[in-house]
PDB file of N, CA and C in Angstrom:
ATOM      1  N   UNK A   1      10.759  29.901   4.391  1.00  0.00           N
ATOM      2  CA  UNK A   1      10.889  28.584   3.578  1.00  0.00           C
ATOM      3  C   UNK A   1       9.558  28.724   2.655  1.00  0.00           C
ATOM      4  N   UNK A   2       9.827  28.417   1.364  1.00  0.00           N
ATOM      5  CA  UNK A   2       8.769  28.637   0.389  1.00  0.00           C
ATOM      6  C   UNK A   2       8.457  27.171  -0.117  1.00  0.00           C
ATOM      7  N   UNK A   3       7.036  26.825  -0.035  1.00  0.00           N
ATOM      8  CA  UNK A   3       6.649  25.551  -0.600  1.00  0.00           C
ATOM      9  C   UNK A   3       5.738  25.600  -1.722  1.00  0.00           C
ATOM     10  N   UNK A   4       5.660  24.712  -2.557  1.00  0.00           N
ATOM     11  CA  UNK A   4       4.686  24.756  -3.644  1.00  0.00           C
ATOM     12  C   UNK A   4       3.753  23.592  -3.277  1.00  0.00           C
ATOM     13  N   UNK A   5       2.342  23.825  -3.489  1.00  0.00           N
ATOM     14  CA  UNK A   5       1.349  23.042  -3.194  1.00  0.00           C
ATOM     15  C   UNK A   5       0.678  22.666  -4.526  1.00  0.00           C
ATOM     16  N   UNK A   6       0.121  21.410  -4.368  1.00  0.00           N
ATOM     17  CA  UNK A   6      -0.608  20.893  -5.555  1.00  0.00           C
ATOM     18  C   UNK A   6      -1.941  21.731  -5.507  1.00  0.00           C
ATOM     19  N   UNK A   7      -2.639  21.824  -6.750  1.00  0.00           N
ATOM     20  CA  UNK A   7      -3.894  22.530  -6.808  1.00  0.00           C
ATOM     21  C   UNK A   7      -4.847  22.091  -5.875  1.00  0.00           C
ATOM     22  N   UNK A   8      -4.937  20.646  -5.653  1.00  0.00           N
ATOM     23  CA  UNK A   8      -5.958  20.255  -4.752  1.00  0.00           C
ATOM     24  C   UNK A   8      -5.749  20.713  -3.245  1.00  0.00           C
ATOM     25  N   UNK A   9      -4.534  20.614  -2.806  1.00  0.00           N
ATOM     26  CA  UNK A   9      -4.103  21.013  -1.507  1.00  0.00           C
ATOM     27  C   UNK A   9      -4.413  22.480  -1.244  1.00  0.00           C
ATOM     28  N   UNK A  10      -3.854  23.243  -2.360  1.00  0.00           N
ATOM     29  CA  UNK A  10      -4.170  24.719  -2.233  1.00  0.00           C
ATOM     30  C   UNK A  10      -5.677  24.957  -2.160  1.00  0.00           C
ATOM     31  N   UNK A  11      -6.680  24.245  -2.888  1.00  0.00           N
ATOM     32  CA  UNK A  11      -7.956  24.404  -2.860  1.00  0.00           C
ATOM     33  C   UNK A  11      -8.484  23.910  -1.451  1.00  0.00           C
ATOM     34  N   UNK A  12      -7.931  23.037  -0.735  1.00  0.00           N
ATOM     35  CA  UNK A  12      -8.387  22.647   0.591  1.00  0.00           C
ATOM     36  C   UNK A  12      -7.998  23.768   1.809  1.00  0.00           C
ATOM     37  N   UNK A  13      -6.776  24.194   1.475  1.00  0.00           N
ATOM     38  CA  UNK A  13      -6.310  25.310   2.384  1.00  0.00           C
ATOM     39  C   UNK A  13      -7.217  26.627   2.223  1.00  0.00           C
ATOM     40  N   UNK A  14      -7.537  26.951   1.048  1.00  0.00           N
ATOM     41  CA  UNK A  14      -8.479  28.053   0.618  1.00  0.00           C
ATOM     42  C   UNK A  14      -9.853  27.980   1.260  1.00  0.00           C
ATOM     43  N   UNK A  15     -10.501  26.536   1.171  1.00  0.00           N
ATOM     44  CA  UNK A  15     -11.630  26.300   1.738  1.00  0.00           C
ATOM     45  C   UNK A  15     -11.651  26.490   3.276  1.00  0.00           C
ATOM     46  N   UNK A  16     -10.748  25.852   3.884  1.00  0.00           N
ATOM     47  CA  UNK A  16     -10.636  26.116   5.322  1.00  0.00           C
ATOM     48  C   UNK A  16     -10.542  27.518   5.872  1.00  0.00           C
ATOM     49  N   UNK A  17      -9.689  28.229   5.093  1.00  0.00           N
ATOM     50  CA  UNK A  17      -9.617  29.780   5.471  1.00  0.00           C
ATOM     51  C   UNK A  17     -11.021  30.434   5.128  1.00  0.00           C
ATOM     52  N   UNK A  18     -11.662  30.171   4.037  1.00  0.00           N
ATOM     53  CA  UNK A  18     -12.825  30.807   3.652  1.00  0.00           C
ATOM     54  C   UNK A  18     -14.017  30.362   4.587  1.00  0.00           C
ATOM     55  N   UNK A  19     -13.757  29.221   5.242  1.00  0.00           N
ATOM     56  CA  UNK A  19     -14.969  28.724   6.077  1.00  0.00           C
ATOM     57  C   UNK A  19     -15.018  29.709   7.316  1.00  0.00           C
ATOM     58  N   UNK A  20     -13.956  30.437   7.688  1.00  0.00           N
ATOM     59  CA  UNK A  20     -13.943  31.348   8.790  1.00  0.00           C
ATOM     60  C   UNK A  20     -13.404  30.620  10.129  1.00  0.00           C
ATOM     61  N   UNK A  21     -13.331  29.395  10.051  1.00  0.00           N
ATOM     62  CA  UNK A  21     -12.645  28.725  11.192  1.00  0.00           C
ATOM     63  C   UNK A  21     -11.239  29.096  11.375  1.00  0.00           C
ATOM     64  N   UNK A  22     -10.410  29.383  10.342  1.00  0.00           N
ATOM     65  CA  UNK A  22      -9.094  29.624  10.429  1.00  0.00           C
ATOM     66  C   UNK A  22      -8.755  31.120   9.662  1.00  0.00           C
ATOM     67  N   UNK A  23      -7.916  31.730  10.329  1.00  0.00           N
ATOM     68  CA  UNK A  23      -7.810  33.071   9.810  1.00  0.00           C
ATOM     69  C   UNK A  23      -6.733  33.185   8.696  1.00  0.00           C
ATOM     70  N   UNK A  24      -5.880  32.103   8.512  1.00  0.00           N
ATOM     71  CA  UNK A  24      -4.994  32.055   7.447  1.00  0.00           C
ATOM     72  C   UNK A  24      -4.448  30.609   7.041  1.00  0.00           C
ATOM     73  N   UNK A  25      -3.792  30.543   5.867  1.00  0.00           N
ATOM     74  CA  UNK A  25      -3.361  29.106   5.589  1.00  0.00           C
ATOM     75  C   UNK A  25      -2.297  28.765   6.532  1.00  0.00           C
ATOM     76  N   UNK A  26      -1.524  29.692   6.965  1.00  0.00           N
ATOM     77  CA  UNK A  26      -0.558  29.336   8.006  1.00  0.00           C
ATOM     78  C   UNK A  26      -1.173  28.740   9.192  1.00  0.00           C
ATOM     79  N   UNK A  27      -2.261  29.141   9.664  1.00  0.00           N
ATOM     80  CA  UNK A  27      -2.967  28.583  10.828  1.00  0.00           C
ATOM     81  C   UNK A  27      -3.504  27.141  10.664  1.00  0.00           C
ATOM     82  N   UNK A  28      -3.915  26.913   9.293  1.00  0.00           N
ATOM     83  CA  UNK A  28      -4.408  25.603   8.874  1.00  0.00           C
ATOM     84  C   UNK A  28      -3.352  24.640   8.946  1.00  0.00           C
ATOM     85  N   UNK A  29      -2.083  25.093   8.369  1.00  0.00           N
ATOM     86  CA  UNK A  29      -0.893  24.165   8.344  1.00  0.00           C
ATOM     87  C   UNK A  29      -0.410  23.827   9.698  1.00  0.00           C
ATOM     88  N   UNK A  30      -0.435  24.899  10.654  1.00  0.00           N
ATOM     89  CA  UNK A  30       0.094  24.653  11.956  1.00  0.00           C
ATOM     90  C   UNK A  30      -0.789  23.662  12.675  1.00  0.00           C
ATOM     91  N   UNK A  31      -2.173  23.706  12.484  1.00  0.00           N
ATOM     92  CA  UNK A  31      -3.044  22.861  13.097  1.00  0.00           C
ATOM     93  C   UNK A  31      -2.834  21.449  12.534  1.00  0.00           C
ATOM     94  N   UNK A  32      -2.716  21.326  11.253  1.00  0.00           N
ATOM     95  CA  UNK A  32      -2.475  19.938  10.669  1.00  0.00           C
ATOM     96  C   UNK A  32      -1.092  19.449  11.243  1.00  0.00           C
ATOM     97  N   UNK A  33      -0.071  20.121  11.339  1.00  0.00           N
ATOM     98  CA  UNK A  33       1.223  19.640  11.754  1.00  0.00           C
ATOM     99  C   UNK A  33       1.001  19.270  13.338  1.00  0.00           C
ATOM    100  N   UNK A  34       0.323  19.962  14.092  1.00  0.00           N
ATOM    101  CA  UNK A  34       0.149  19.616  15.417  1.00  0.00           C
ATOM    102  C   UNK A  34      -0.595  18.312  15.580  1.00  0.00           C
ATOM    103  N   UNK A  35      -1.521  18.050  14.675  1.00  0.00           N
ATOM    104  CA  UNK A  35      -2.283  16.774  14.780  1.00  0.00           C
ATOM    105  C   UNK A  35      -1.375  15.669  14.381  1.00  0.00           C
ATOM    106  N   UNK A  36      -0.641  15.913  13.306  1.00  0.00           N
ATOM    107  CA  UNK A  36       0.435  14.896  12.992  1.00  0.00           C
ATOM    108  C   UNK A  36       1.341  14.332  14.047  1.00  0.00           C
ATOM    109  N   UNK A  37       1.769  15.510  14.812  1.00  0.00           N
ATOM    110  CA  UNK A  37       2.768  15.286  15.916  1.00  0.00           C
ATOM    111  C   UNK A  37       1.935  14.390  17.007  1.00  0.00           C
ATOM    112  N   UNK A  38       0.761  14.811  17.283  1.00  0.00           N
ATOM    113  CA  UNK A  38      -0.012  14.143  18.231  1.00  0.00           C
ATOM    114  C   UNK A  38      -0.311  12.603  17.968  1.00  0.00           C
ATOM    115  N   UNK A  39      -0.572  12.366  16.649  1.00  0.00           N
ATOM    116  CA  UNK A  39      -0.748  11.024  16.041  1.00  0.00           C
ATOM    117  C   UNK A  39       0.524  10.237  16.243  1.00  0.00           C
ATOM    118  N   UNK A  40       1.662  10.716  15.758  1.00  0.00           N
ATOM    119  CA  UNK A  40       2.852  10.179  15.857  1.00  0.00           C
ATOM    120  C   UNK A  40       3.294   9.809  17.223  1.00  0.00           C
ATOM    121  N   UNK A  41       3.008  10.511  18.183  1.00  0.00           N
ATOM    122  CA  UNK A  41       3.366  10.317  19.648  1.00  0.00           C
ATOM    123  C   UNK A  41       2.599   9.060  20.166  1.00  0.00           C
ATOM    124  N   UNK A  42       1.353   8.820  19.471  1.00  0.00           N
ATOM    125  CA  UNK A  42       0.580   7.771  19.938  1.00  0.00           C
ATOM    126  C   UNK A  42       0.857   6.489  19.202  1.00  0.00           C
ATOM    127  N   UNK A  43       1.632   6.521  18.129  1.00  0.00           N
ATOM    128  CA  UNK A  43       1.881   5.297  17.304  1.00  0.00           C
ATOM    129  C   UNK A  43       2.663   4.252  18.025  1.00  0.00           C
ATOM    130  N   UNK A  44       2.501   3.005  17.625  1.00  0.00           N
ATOM    131  CA  UNK A  44       3.369   1.991  18.171  1.00  0.00           C
ATOM    132  C   UNK A  44       4.745   2.024  17.547  1.00  0.00           C
ATOM    133  N   UNK A  45       5.726   1.406  18.197  1.00  0.00           N
ATOM    134  CA  UNK A  45       7.051   1.534  17.575  1.00  0.00           C
ATOM    135  C   UNK A  45       6.958   0.804  16.143  1.00  0.00           C
ATOM    136  N   UNK A  46       7.981   1.211  15.353  1.00  0.00           N
ATOM    137  CA  UNK A  46       8.035   0.708  13.915  1.00  0.00           C
ATOM    138  C   UNK A  46       8.205  -0.947  13.985  1.00  0.00           C
ATOM    139  N   UNK A  47       7.738  -1.655  12.925  1.00  0.00           N
ATOM    140  CA  UNK A  47       7.836  -2.980  13.098  1.00  0.00           C
ATOM    141  C   UNK A  47       9.235  -3.639  13.467  1.00  0.00           C
ATOM    142  N   UNK A  48      10.246  -2.940  13.049  1.00  0.00           N
ATOM    143  CA  UNK A  48      11.699  -3.430  13.341  1.00  0.00           C
ATOM    144  C   UNK A  48      11.909  -3.333  14.870  1.00  0.00           C
ATOM    145  N   UNK A  49      11.151  -2.371  15.453  1.00  0.00           N
ATOM    146  CA  UNK A  49      11.484  -2.178  16.871  1.00  0.00           C
ATOM    147  C   UNK A  49      10.677  -3.004  17.796  1.00  0.00           C
ATOM    148  N   UNK A  50       9.622  -3.684  17.151  1.00  0.00           N
ATOM    149  CA  UNK A  50       8.622  -4.533  18.020  1.00  0.00           C
ATOM    150  C   UNK A  50       9.397  -5.631  18.583  1.00  0.00           C
ATOM    151  N   UNK A  51       8.878  -6.101  19.670  1.00  0.00           N
ATOM    152  CA  UNK A  51       9.526  -7.292  20.312  1.00  0.00           C
ATOM    153  C   UNK A  51       8.482  -8.176  20.653  1.00  0.00           C
ATOM    154  N   UNK A  52       8.573  -9.463  20.678  1.00  0.00           N
ATOM    155  CA  UNK A  52       7.553 -10.413  21.091  1.00  0.00           C
ATOM    156  C   UNK A  52       7.389 -10.288  22.573  1.00  0.00           C
ATOM    157  N   UNK A  53       6.252 -10.778  23.160  1.00  0.00           N
ATOM    158  CA  UNK A  53       5.758 -10.689  24.505  1.00  0.00           C
ATOM    159  C   UNK A  53       6.826 -11.541  25.275  1.00  0.00           C
ATOM    160  N   UNK A  54       7.265 -12.648  24.836  1.00  0.00           N
ATOM    161  CA  UNK A  54       8.163 -13.480  25.646  1.00  0.00           C
ATOM    162  C   UNK A  54       9.520 -12.850  25.847  1.00  0.00           C
ATOM    163  N   UNK A  55       9.944 -12.050  24.729  1.00  0.00           N
ATOM    164  CA  UNK A  55      11.223 -11.479  24.892  1.00  0.00           C
ATOM    165  C   UNK A  55      11.062 -10.237  25.860  1.00  0.00           C
ATOM    166  N   UNK A  56       9.893  -9.431  25.862  1.00  0.00           N
ATOM    167  CA  UNK A  56       9.722  -8.396  26.816  1.00  0.00           C
ATOM    168  C   UNK A  56       9.564  -8.988  28.188  1.00  0.00           C
ATOM    169  N   UNK A  57       8.887 -10.068  28.366  1.00  0.00           N
ATOM    170  CA  UNK A  57       8.880 -10.538  29.704  1.00  0.00           C
ATOM    171  C   UNK A  57      10.288 -10.956  30.207  1.00  0.00           C
ATOM    172  N   UNK A  58      11.026 -11.584  29.296  1.00  0.00           N
ATOM    173  CA  UNK A  58      12.376 -11.950  29.641  1.00  0.00           C
ATOM    174  C   UNK A  58      13.222 -10.872  30.161  1.00  0.00           C
ATOM    175  N   UNK A  59      13.235  -9.799  29.456  1.00  0.00           N
ATOM    176  CA  UNK A  59      13.963  -8.629  29.706  1.00  0.00           C
ATOM    177  C   UNK A  59      13.604  -7.897  31.050  1.00  0.00           C
ATOM    178  N   UNK A  60      12.262  -7.961  31.315  1.00  0.00           N
ATOM    179  CA  UNK A  60      11.767  -7.481  32.629  1.00  0.00           C
ATOM    180  C   UNK A  60      12.163  -8.280  33.652  1.00  0.00           C
ATOM    181  N   UNK A  61      11.949  -9.606  33.561  1.00  0.00           N
ATOM    182  CA  UNK A  61      12.239 -10.624  34.537  1.00  0.00           C
ATOM    183  C   UNK A  61      13.705 -10.669  34.950  1.00  0.00           C
ATOM    184  N   UNK A  62      14.558 -10.432  33.994  1.00  0.00           N
ATOM    185  CA  UNK A  62      16.001 -10.359  34.207  1.00  0.00           C
ATOM    186  C   UNK A  62      16.345  -9.212  35.249  1.00  0.00           C
ATOM    187  N   UNK A  63      15.525  -8.180  35.203  1.00  0.00           N
ATOM    188  CA  UNK A  63      15.915  -7.081  36.086  1.00  0.00           C
ATOM    189  C   UNK A  63      15.446  -7.219  37.547  1.00  0.00           C
ATOM    190  N   UNK A  64      14.586  -8.379  37.831  1.00  0.00           N
ATOM    191  CA  UNK A  64      14.128  -8.632  39.136  1.00  0.00           C
ATOM    192  C   UNK A  64      15.156  -9.422  39.777  1.00  0.00           C
ATOM    193  N   UNK A  65      15.648  -9.002  41.101  1.00  0.00           N
ATOM    194  CA  UNK A  65      16.743  -9.810  41.709  1.00  0.00           C
ATOM    195  C   UNK A  65      16.092 -11.190  42.154  1.00  0.00           C
ATOM    196  N   UNK A  66      16.916 -12.053  42.241  1.00  0.00           N
ATOM    197  CA  UNK A  66      16.613 -13.506  42.560  1.00  0.00           C
ATOM    198  C   UNK A  66      15.991 -13.494  44.049  1.00  0.00           C
ATOM    199  N   UNK A  67      16.323 -12.669  44.913  1.00  0.00           N
ATOM    200  CA  UNK A  67      15.677 -12.587  46.209  1.00  0.00           C
ATOM    201  C   UNK A  67      14.245 -12.411  46.081  1.00  0.00           C
ATOM    202  N   UNK A  68      13.770 -11.602  45.240  1.00  0.00           N
ATOM    203  CA  UNK A  68      12.363 -11.339  45.010  1.00  0.00           C
ATOM    204  C   UNK A  68      11.686 -12.517  44.223  1.00  0.00           C
ATOM    205  N   UNK A  69      12.325 -13.024  43.296  1.00  0.00           N
ATOM    206  CA  UNK A  69      11.747 -14.240  42.663  1.00  0.00           C
ATOM    207  C   UNK A  69      11.514 -15.420  43.702  1.00  0.00           C
ATOM    208  N   UNK A  70      12.366 -15.444  44.699  1.00  0.00           N
ATOM    209  CA  UNK A  70      12.259 -16.494  45.798  1.00  0.00           C
ATOM    210  C   UNK A  70      11.133 -16.234  46.633  1.00  0.00           C
ATOM    211  N   UNK A  71      10.454 -15.084  46.718  1.00  0.00           N
ATOM    212  CA  UNK A  71       9.282 -14.738  47.445  1.00  0.00           C
ATOM    213  C   UNK A  71       7.946 -15.166  46.574  1.00  0.00           C
ATOM    214  N   UNK A  72       8.152 -15.445  45.443  1.00  0.00           N
ATOM    215  CA  UNK A  72       6.934 -15.820  44.567  1.00  0.00           C
ATOM    216  C   UNK A  72       6.438 -17.307  45.114  1.00  0.00           C
ATOM    217  N   UNK A  73       5.202 -17.395  45.470  1.00  0.00           N
ATOM    218  CA  UNK A  73       4.664 -18.755  45.855  1.00  0.00           C
ATOM    219  C   UNK A  73       4.812 -19.706  44.759  1.00  0.00           C
ATOM    220  N   UNK A  74       5.328 -21.033  45.061  1.00  0.00           N
ATOM    221  CA  UNK A  74       5.503 -22.022  44.007  1.00  0.00           C
ATOM    222  C   UNK A  74       4.145 -22.327  43.291  1.00  0.00           C
ATOM    223  N   UNK A  75       2.987 -22.242  43.987  1.00  0.00           N
ATOM    224  CA  UNK A  75       1.787 -22.598  43.293  1.00  0.00           C
ATOM    225  C   UNK A  75       1.090 -21.474  42.701  1.00  0.00           C
ATOM    226  N   UNK A  76       1.742 -20.344  42.419  1.00  0.00           N
ATOM    227  CA  UNK A  76       1.059 -19.035  42.011  1.00  0.00           C
ATOM    228  C   UNK A  76       0.384 -19.356  40.633  1.00  0.00           C
ATOM    229  N   UNK A  77       1.011 -20.017  39.793  1.00  0.00           N
ATOM    230  CA  UNK A  77       0.569 -20.370  38.334  1.00  0.00           C
ATOM    231  C   UNK A  77      -0.684 -21.367  38.373  1.00  0.00           C
ATOM    232  N   UNK A  78      -0.750 -22.276  39.393  1.00  0.00           N
ATOM    233  CA  UNK A  78      -1.738 -23.166  39.507  1.00  0.00           C
ATOM    234  C   UNK A  78      -2.948 -22.616  40.179  1.00  0.00           C
ATOM    235  N   UNK A  79      -2.698 -21.526  41.106  1.00  0.00           N
ATOM    236  CA  UNK A  79      -3.824 -21.070  41.992  1.00  0.00           C
ATOM    237  C   UNK A  79      -3.833 -19.537  42.100  1.00  0.00           C
ATOM    238  N   UNK A  80      -3.880 -18.853  40.951  1.00  0.00           N
ATOM    239  CA  UNK A  80      -3.603 -17.406  41.041  1.00  0.00           C
ATOM    240  C   UNK A  80      -4.842 -16.610  41.738  1.00  0.00           C
ATOM    241  N   UNK A  81      -6.059 -17.234  41.779  1.00  0.00           N
ATOM    242  CA  UNK A  81      -7.079 -16.550  42.497  1.00  0.00           C
ATOM    243  C   UNK A  81      -6.981 -16.339  43.956  1.00  0.00           C
ATOM    244  N   UNK A  82      -6.192 -17.491  44.404  1.00  0.00           N
ATOM    245  CA  UNK A  82      -5.986 -17.411  45.933  1.00  0.00           C
ATOM    246  C   UNK A  82      -5.128 -16.208  46.202  1.00  0.00           C
ATOM    247  N   UNK A  83      -4.021 -15.934  45.414  1.00  0.00           N
ATOM    248  CA  UNK A  83      -3.174 -14.804  45.715  1.00  0.00           C
ATOM    249  C   UNK A  83      -3.625 -13.486  45.157  1.00  0.00           C
ATOM    250  N   UNK A  84      -4.363 -13.409  44.098  1.00  0.00           N
ATOM    251  CA  UNK A  84      -4.982 -12.218  43.644  1.00  0.00           C
ATOM    252  C   UNK A  84      -6.186 -11.743  44.479  1.00  0.00           C
ATOM    253  N   UNK A  85      -7.089 -12.608  44.805  1.00  0.00           N
ATOM    254  CA  UNK A  85      -8.328 -12.332  45.268  1.00  0.00           C
ATOM    255  C   UNK A  85      -8.696 -12.890  46.603  1.00  0.00           C
ATOM    256  N   UNK A  86      -7.775 -13.560  47.264  1.00  0.00           N
ATOM    257  CA  UNK A  86      -8.019 -14.201  48.489  1.00  0.00           C
ATOM    258  C   UNK A  86      -9.032 -15.294  48.468  1.00  0.00           C
ATOM    259  N   UNK A  87      -9.125 -15.950  47.280  1.00  0.00           N
ATOM    260  CA  UNK A  87     -10.047 -17.134  47.184  1.00  0.00           C
ATOM    261  C   UNK A  87      -9.525 -18.298  48.090  1.00  0.00           C
ATOM    262  N   UNK A  88     -10.412 -19.194  48.248  1.00  0.00           N
ATOM    263  CA  UNK A  88     -10.021 -20.448  48.927  1.00  0.00           C
ATOM    264  C   UNK A  88      -8.926 -21.247  48.225  1.00  0.00           C
ATOM    265  N   UNK A  89      -8.020 -21.972  48.945  1.00  0.00           N
ATOM    266  CA  UNK A  89      -7.073 -22.585  48.357  1.00  0.00           C
ATOM    267  C   UNK A  89      -7.557 -23.823  47.462  1.00  0.00           C
ATOM    268  N   UNK A  90      -7.105 -23.845  46.192  1.00  0.00           N
ATOM    269  CA  UNK A  90      -7.595 -24.932  45.253  1.00  0.00           C
ATOM    270  C   UNK A  90      -7.007 -26.252  45.648  1.00  0.00           C
ATOM    271  N   UNK A  91      -7.843 -27.273  45.585  1.00  0.00           N
ATOM    272  CA  UNK A  91      -7.475 -28.553  46.117  1.00  0.00           C
ATOM    273  C   UNK A  91      -6.669 -29.338  45.111  1.00  0.00           C
TER     274      UNK A  91
END
């Protein structure tokens, strides 16, 4: 595949190779593409794919069987420290 580069990009490639850090323009381009792939792998989903927290919670909650929800203490929301850290029961 043949690509044409703007003079500015060609100058940057030449500078990287002449610095001695890279042995060829091909190596510079491969390194740049590897960084792009790494960056894209860490990016959050596109705005259209983003979902609100309530929607995410609802979808996860729907996967939990009712028998498991019945095990949740009724006062969990009012007294979470008791269940999370073994604190004294709130009055």
